[in-house]
Amino acid sequence: SAYHLYVVRHPQRDELKKYLEANQVGCALHYPLPLHLQKCYASLGYKAGDFPVSEKSASQCLSLPIYPEMTDAQIQRVAEVIKGFFAK
């Protein structure tokens, strides 16, 4: 196994990202653009709207911290901050 990304989806992804960052929890947008809209595939001729499910998914995905050295306390902290976002 190669667990290097822990990706979640939420319609308020950008707000969640800002909240996590404001609370010192690292997160990232690893694949913010679906494949058919990336420059390297432009020659295929696809445009926005051609793959709406992929586009929606790309707009909602957020990578949370995950790495082998993460302690239980760090995992708990990430979970608590996320719960705080949904409690507001």
C-alpha atoms as a PDB file:
ATOM      1  CA  SER A   1       0.000   0.000   0.000  1.00  0.00           C
ATOM      2  CA  ALA A   2       1.023   3.577  -0.591  1.00  0.00           C
ATOM      3  CA  TYR A   3      -1.121   5.720   1.620  1.00  0.00           C
ATOM      4  CA  HIS A   4       0.040   9.227   0.846  1.00  0.00           C
ATOM      5  CA  LEU A   5      -3.229  11.160   0.468  1.00  0.00           C
ATOM      6  CA  TYR A   6      -6.315  11.237   2.669  1.00  0.00           C
ATOM      7  CA  VAL A   7      -8.881  12.953   0.496  1.00  0.00           C
ATOM      8  CA  VAL A   8     -12.325  14.081   1.604  1.00  0.00           C
ATOM      9  CA  ARG A   9     -15.107  15.800  -0.315  1.00  0.00           C
ATOM     10  CA  HIS A  10     -17.351  18.624   0.798  1.00  0.00           C
ATOM     11  CA  PRO A  11     -19.369  21.247  -1.099  1.00  0.00           C
ATOM     12  CA  GLN A  12     -17.832  23.970   1.107  1.00  0.00           C
ATOM     13  CA  ARG A  13     -14.301  22.752   0.445  1.00  0.00           C
ATOM     14  CA  ASP A  14     -12.766  26.230   0.190  1.00  0.00           C
ATOM     15  CA  GLU A  15     -14.317  27.380   3.459  1.00  0.00           C
ATOM     16  CA  LEU A  16     -13.176  24.178   5.185  1.00  0.00           C
ATOM     17  CA  LYS A  17      -9.657  24.682   3.816  1.00  0.00           C
ATOM     18  CA  LYS A  18      -9.532  28.246   5.171  1.00  0.00           C
ATOM     19  CA  TYR A  19     -10.835  27.071   8.543  1.00  0.00           C
ATOM     20  CA  LEU A  20      -8.244  24.299   8.772  1.00  0.00           C
ATOM     21  CA  GLU A  21      -5.431  26.657   7.816  1.00  0.00           C
ATOM     22  CA  ALA A  22      -6.636  29.279  10.325  1.00  0.00           C
ATOM     23  CA  ASN A  23      -6.425  26.551  12.979  1.00  0.00           C
ATOM     24  CA  GLN A  24      -2.915  25.457  11.927  1.00  0.00           C
ATOM     25  CA  VAL A  25      -4.032  22.196  10.298  1.00  0.00           C
ATOM     26  CA  GLY A  26      -2.252  21.503   7.049  1.00  0.00           C
ATOM     27  CA  CYS A  27      -4.316  20.588   4.010  1.00  0.00           C
ATOM     28  CA  ALA A  28      -3.904  20.767   0.259  1.00  0.00           C
ATOM     29  CA  LEU A  29      -5.623  20.714  -3.095  1.00  0.00           C
ATOM     30  CA  HIS A  30      -3.689  18.021  -4.899  1.00  0.00           C
ATOM     31  CA  TYR A  31      -5.867  17.714  -7.997  1.00  0.00           C
ATOM     32  CA  PRO A  32      -7.910  20.933  -8.241  1.00  0.00           C
ATOM     33  CA  LEU A  33      -8.363  20.608 -12.000  1.00  0.00           C
ATOM     34  CA  PRO A  34      -9.951  17.550 -13.622  1.00  0.00           C
ATOM     35  CA  LEU A  35      -7.823  15.777 -16.210  1.00  0.00           C
ATOM     36  CA  HIS A  36      -9.812  16.883 -19.242  1.00  0.00           C
ATOM     37  CA  LEU A  37      -9.208  20.555 -18.355  1.00  0.00           C
ATOM     38  CA  GLN A  38      -5.466  20.268 -17.815  1.00  0.00           C
ATOM     39  CA  LYS A  39      -3.194  21.927 -20.346  1.00  0.00           C
ATOM     40  CA  CYS A  40      -1.453  18.675 -21.277  1.00  0.00           C
ATOM     41  CA  TYR A  41      -4.788  17.266 -22.538  1.00  0.00           C
ATOM     42  CA  ALA A  42      -5.947  20.397 -24.378  1.00  0.00           C
ATOM     43  CA  SER A  43      -5.359  18.719 -27.739  1.00  0.00           C
ATOM     44  CA  LEU A  44      -8.230  16.337 -26.971  1.00  0.00           C
ATOM     45  CA  GLY A  45     -10.627  19.256 -27.294  1.00  0.00           C
ATOM     46  CA  TYR A  46     -12.623  18.813 -24.124  1.00  0.00           C
ATOM     47  CA  LYS A  47     -14.111  21.863 -22.439  1.00  0.00           C
ATOM     48  CA  ALA A  48     -15.702  22.774 -19.120  1.00  0.00           C
ATOM     49  CA  GLY A  49     -19.022  21.000 -18.807  1.00  0.00           C
ATOM     50  CA  ASP A  50     -18.003  17.902 -20.788  1.00  0.00           C
ATOM     51  CA  PHE A  51     -17.434  15.832 -17.635  1.00  0.00           C
ATOM     52  CA  PRO A  52     -19.595  17.417 -14.917  1.00  0.00           C
ATOM     53  CA  VAL A  53     -19.050  14.684 -12.336  1.00  0.00           C
ATOM     54  CA  SER A  54     -15.267  15.021 -12.602  1.00  0.00           C
ATOM     55  CA  GLU A  55     -15.528  18.794 -12.426  1.00  0.00           C
ATOM     56  CA  LYS A  56     -17.745  18.665  -9.336  1.00  0.00           C
ATOM     57  CA  SER A  57     -15.421  16.190  -7.657  1.00  0.00           C
ATOM     58  CA  ALA A  58     -12.360  18.341  -8.390  1.00  0.00           C
ATOM     59  CA  SER A  59     -14.090  21.376  -6.891  1.00  0.00           C
ATOM     60  CA  GLN A  60     -14.910  19.517  -3.663  1.00  0.00           C
ATOM     61  CA  CYS A  61     -11.809  17.422  -2.905  1.00  0.00           C
ATOM     62  CA  LEU A  62      -9.437  18.354  -0.101  1.00  0.00           C
ATOM     63  CA  SER A  63      -6.419  16.398   1.126  1.00  0.00           C
ATOM     64  CA  LEU A  64      -6.023  16.134   4.892  1.00  0.00           C
ATOM     65  CA  PRO A  65      -2.745  15.407   6.666  1.00  0.00           C
ATOM     66  CA  ILE A  66      -1.581  11.794   6.600  1.00  0.00           C
ATOM     67  CA  TYR A  67       1.910  10.449   7.151  1.00  0.00           C
ATOM     68  CA  PRO A  68       3.420   7.516   9.060  1.00  0.00           C
ATOM     69  CA  GLU A  69       4.788   9.629  11.905  1.00  0.00           C
ATOM     70  CA  MET A  70       1.430  11.222  12.760  1.00  0.00           C
ATOM     71  CA  THR A  71       0.666  10.669  16.405  1.00  0.00           C
ATOM     72  CA  ASP A  72      -2.731   9.781  17.808  1.00  0.00           C
ATOM     73  CA  ALA A  73      -2.821  13.251  19.383  1.00  0.00           C
ATOM     74  CA  GLN A  74      -2.248  14.897  15.995  1.00  0.00           C
ATOM     75  CA  ILE A  75      -4.960  12.791  14.398  1.00  0.00           C
ATOM     76  CA  GLN A  76      -7.328  13.717  17.235  1.00  0.00           C
ATOM     77  CA  ARG A  77      -6.497  17.411  16.756  1.00  0.00           C
ATOM     78  CA  VAL A  78      -7.317  17.270  13.040  1.00  0.00           C
ATOM     79  CA  ALA A  79     -10.603  15.533  13.827  1.00  0.00           C
ATOM     80  CA  GLU A  80     -11.496  18.085  16.523  1.00  0.00           C
ATOM     81  CA  VAL A  81     -10.810  21.031  14.223  1.00  0.00           C
ATOM     82  CA  ILE A  82     -12.952  19.486  11.488  1.00  0.00           C
ATOM     83  CA  LYS A  83     -15.744  18.878  13.989  1.00  0.00           C
ATOM     84  CA  GLY A  84     -15.415  22.528  14.987  1.00  0.00           C
ATOM     85  CA  PHE A  85     -15.998  23.595  11.381  1.00  0.00           C
ATOM     86  CA  PHE A  86     -19.245  21.646  11.217  1.00  0.00           C
ATOM     87  CA  ALA A  87     -20.387  22.845  14.652  1.00  0.00           C
ATOM     88  CA  LYS A  88     -20.353  26.513  13.636  1.00  0.00           C
END
